[in-house]
C-alpha cells in the first residue's frame, strides 16, 4: 500500500513538472512605474498637465452682465490675465451664452484697439463667429512667440467696447496662471 501511494505521489509530481515545462516562460518582472501626474486645476477656467506641457482653457462669452455682457469669463477691458509658459500647447474651449454673436481671437496687446480684429497674432488662435446662446468652437495652438496679447472678440465694435482679457506668453513662466478673477 505504501509503495502504491508513493508511486502515485511521484507520478503526480512528474506530471506537474512536465506540465510546467510545457507552459511558456513568463515575462520578467519589472518595477511598476509611477502613474502620470494628474492635471493641475488653477481655477474653473484653467487647468494644465505639467508633464505634457498642455493647457486647457475655458472661455465663455457674456458669462456675467458685466460691461453689458461684453466680457470673457466675466472679465473685460483687460482686467483678467492668463499667463502661459512659452512653447506649451494650448487648447481653448470657447462658448457663447449671450443673445448676440461673439468670437475669440488672440491679437497683439497694442493701442489703438482694432474695430474688427481679424488677424490672429498666434497661428490657430481664433474661432469662427459663435452663434447666439449655443455657439461653440475651439482653438489649438502652441504658445509662441513670447509676448503680450489680448483675447478679444472679433465681432465689429466688441473689442472697442471692452470685450477683451489679457493673454501673456512668458519665456520665464514655469506654470500657467490666471489672475484678476
Protein backbone atom coordinates (compact mmCIF):
# COMPACT_ATOMS: atom_id res chain seq x y z
CA UNK A 1 0.00 0.00 0.00
CA UNK A 2 2.80 2.39 0.92
CA UNK A 3 4.56 1.70 -2.37
CA UNK A 4 1.36 2.28 -4.33
CA UNK A 5 0.80 5.67 -2.57
CA UNK A 6 4.43 6.67 -3.03
CA UNK A 7 4.27 5.73 -6.72
CA UNK A 8 1.10 7.83 -7.14
CA UNK A 9 2.70 10.86 -5.48
CA UNK A 10 5.80 10.52 -7.68
CA UNK A 11 3.61 10.25 -10.79
CA UNK A 12 1.71 13.43 -9.84
CA UNK A 13 4.96 15.33 -9.20
CA UNK A 14 6.38 14.18 -12.55
CA UNK A 15 3.19 15.17 -14.38
CA UNK A 16 3.13 18.61 -12.73
CA UNK A 17 6.75 19.16 -13.64
CA UNK A 18 6.06 18.18 -17.24
CA UNK A 19 3.03 20.49 -17.38
CA UNK A 20 5.09 23.40 -16.11
CA UNK A 21 7.79 22.69 -18.65
CA UNK A 22 5.19 22.99 -21.44
CA UNK A 23 4.00 26.43 -20.27
CA UNK A 24 5.50 29.47 -21.98
CA UNK A 25 8.01 31.38 -19.90
CA UNK A 26 6.62 34.34 -18.02
CA UNK A 27 7.82 37.83 -18.78
CA UNK A 28 10.46 39.13 -16.43
CA UNK A 29 9.04 41.20 -13.63
CA UNK A 30 9.64 44.92 -13.80
CA UNK A 31 9.18 47.57 -11.21
CA UNK A 32 5.89 49.42 -11.51
CA UNK A 33 6.24 52.92 -12.92
CA UNK A 34 4.70 55.85 -11.15
CA UNK A 35 1.38 56.97 -12.60
CA UNK A 36 1.37 60.17 -14.63
CA UNK A 37 0.90 63.32 -12.61
CA UNK A 38 -2.73 64.45 -12.65
CA UNK A 39 -3.76 67.69 -14.27
CA UNK A 40 -3.41 70.75 -12.08
CA UNK A 41 -6.54 72.88 -11.73
CA UNK A 42 -5.80 76.59 -11.33
CA UNK A 43 -9.47 77.66 -11.25
CA UNK A 44 -12.73 76.77 -13.00
CA UNK A 45 -11.37 78.16 -16.28
CA UNK A 46 -7.74 76.95 -16.38
CA UNK A 47 -6.02 73.60 -15.87
CA UNK A 48 -2.77 72.14 -17.14
CA UNK A 49 -0.76 68.95 -17.43
CA UNK A 50 2.83 69.78 -16.42
CA UNK A 51 4.32 66.57 -17.87
CA UNK A 52 2.71 67.10 -21.29
CA UNK A 53 3.10 70.91 -21.13
CA UNK A 54 -0.53 71.25 -22.19
CA UNK A 55 -3.02 73.88 -21.05
CA UNK A 56 -6.81 73.64 -21.17
CA UNK A 57 -8.64 76.94 -21.00
CA UNK A 58 -12.39 77.56 -20.93
CA UNK A 59 -13.69 80.87 -22.23
CA UNK A 60 -17.35 81.88 -22.01
CA UNK A 61 -18.66 84.98 -23.77
CA UNK A 62 -21.04 87.07 -21.64
CA UNK A 63 -20.59 84.90 -18.57
CA UNK A 64 -21.91 87.78 -16.47
CA UNK A 65 -23.77 91.00 -17.18
CA UNK A 66 -20.57 93.00 -16.56
CA UNK A 67 -19.86 95.50 -19.34
CA UNK A 68 -23.34 94.84 -20.74
CA UNK A 69 -22.32 91.22 -21.45
CA UNK A 70 -19.25 92.25 -23.42
CA UNK A 71 -16.90 90.04 -21.38
CA UNK A 72 -14.99 86.77 -21.37
CA UNK A 73 -15.33 84.74 -18.15
CA UNK A 74 -16.69 87.90 -16.53
CA UNK A 75 -13.55 89.89 -17.43
CA UNK A 76 -13.47 92.96 -19.65
CA UNK A 77 -11.16 95.84 -20.53
CA UNK A 78 -8.14 93.62 -19.79
CA UNK A 79 -8.92 93.13 -16.09
CA UNK A 80 -8.08 89.40 -16.20
CA UNK A 81 -4.70 88.00 -17.26
CA UNK A 82 -3.84 84.48 -18.37
CA UNK A 83 -0.09 83.81 -18.43
CA UNK A 84 1.29 80.70 -20.12
CA UNK A 85 4.83 79.34 -20.47
CA UNK A 86 6.46 79.78 -23.86
CA UNK A 87 6.09 76.74 -26.13
CA UNK A 88 3.31 74.97 -24.21
CA UNK A 89 0.34 73.59 -26.16
CA UNK A 90 -2.92 75.45 -25.54
CA UNK A 91 -6.44 74.10 -26.04
CA UNK A 92 -9.26 76.62 -25.62
CA UNK A 93 -12.96 75.75 -25.45
CA UNK A 94 -14.97 78.84 -26.32
CA UNK A 95 -18.71 79.04 -25.64
CA UNK A 96 -21.15 81.84 -26.33
CA UNK A 97 -24.13 82.06 -23.97
CA UNK A 98 -25.10 85.61 -25.00
CA UNK A 99 -28.14 86.55 -27.09
CA UNK A 100 -25.85 88.03 -29.77
CA UNK A 101 -22.92 86.54 -31.74
CA UNK A 102 -19.35 86.67 -30.43
CA UNK A 103 -15.97 85.17 -31.35
CA UNK A 104 -12.48 84.94 -29.85
CA UNK A 105 -9.16 85.86 -31.40
CA UNK A 106 -5.71 86.45 -29.92
CA UNK A 107 -4.33 89.79 -31.08
CA UNK A 108 -1.32 91.91 -30.05
CA UNK A 109 -1.83 93.98 -26.88
CA UNK A 110 -1.46 97.34 -28.62
CA UNK A 111 -3.39 100.60 -28.88
CA UNK A 112 -5.42 101.62 -30.67
CA UNK A 113 -7.56 98.51 -30.48
CA UNK A 114 -8.83 97.31 -33.86
CA UNK A 115 -12.52 97.91 -34.62
CA UNK A 116 -12.90 94.39 -36.01
CA UNK A 117 -9.87 92.17 -35.27
CA UNK A 118 -9.44 89.54 -37.94
CA UNK A 119 -5.72 88.62 -37.92
CA UNK A 120 -4.61 86.23 -35.16
CA UNK A 121 -1.22 87.09 -33.68
CA UNK A 122 -0.62 83.38 -32.97
CA UNK A 123 -1.32 80.74 -35.61
CA UNK A 124 -4.58 78.88 -34.89
CA UNK A 125 -5.63 81.27 -32.10
CA UNK A 126 -9.06 82.28 -33.37
CA UNK A 127 -12.64 80.95 -33.55
CA UNK A 128 -15.44 81.21 -36.02
CA UNK A 129 -18.32 83.58 -35.29
CA UNK A 130 -20.23 81.87 -32.50
CA UNK A 131 -24.00 81.69 -32.79
CA UNK A 132 -26.07 83.35 -30.07
CA UNK A 133 -26.81 81.26 -26.96
CA UNK A 134 -25.29 77.97 -28.16
CA UNK A 135 -22.19 78.81 -30.20
CA UNK A 136 -19.07 76.74 -29.57
CA UNK A 137 -15.64 76.43 -31.15
CA UNK A 138 -12.11 75.52 -30.09
CA UNK A 139 -8.64 76.92 -30.57
CA UNK A 140 -5.49 74.77 -30.51
CA UNK A 141 -2.07 76.34 -30.80
CA UNK A 142 1.47 76.49 -29.46
CA UNK A 143 2.12 79.41 -27.11
CA UNK A 144 4.71 81.15 -29.25
CA UNK A 145 6.16 83.71 -29.77
CA UNK A 146 6.61 85.25 -26.34
CA UNK A 147 4.71 88.48 -25.91
CA UNK A 148 1.70 90.33 -24.58
CA UNK A 149 -1.61 89.66 -26.28
CA UNK A 150 -5.36 90.07 -25.85
CA UNK A 151 -8.12 87.51 -26.19
CA UNK A 152 -10.60 89.76 -27.98
CA UNK A 153 -13.97 89.45 -29.67
CA UNK A 154 -13.69 89.71 -33.44
CA UNK A 155 -17.24 90.98 -33.98
CA UNK A 156 -17.05 94.62 -35.19
CA UNK A 157 -17.19 97.06 -32.28
CA UNK A 158 -16.97 94.46 -29.49
CA UNK A 159 -13.23 94.80 -28.72
CA UNK A 160 -13.54 98.60 -28.70
CA UNK A 161 -16.45 98.13 -26.26
CA UNK A 162 -14.08 96.38 -23.82
CA UNK A 163 -14.61 92.73 -24.74
CA UNK A 164 -11.04 91.53 -24.17
CA UNK A 165 -8.84 89.98 -21.49
CA UNK A 166 -5.05 89.71 -21.41
CA UNK A 167 -3.06 86.69 -22.61
CA UNK A 168 0.70 86.62 -21.95
CA UNK A 169 3.20 84.11 -23.36
CA UNK A 170 6.15 84.28 -20.96
CA UNK A 171 9.52 82.59 -21.52
CA UNK A 172 10.26 82.70 -17.79
CA UNK A 173 6.90 81.35 -16.56
CA UNK A 174 7.19 77.85 -15.06
CA UNK A 175 3.42 77.16 -14.94
CA UNK A 176 0.27 78.84 -16.27
CA UNK A 177 -1.56 81.39 -14.10
CA UNK A 178 -4.93 83.18 -14.27
CA UNK A 179 -5.29 86.43 -12.32
CA UNK A 180 -7.95 89.08 -11.87
CA UNK A 181 -10.93 86.91 -11.07
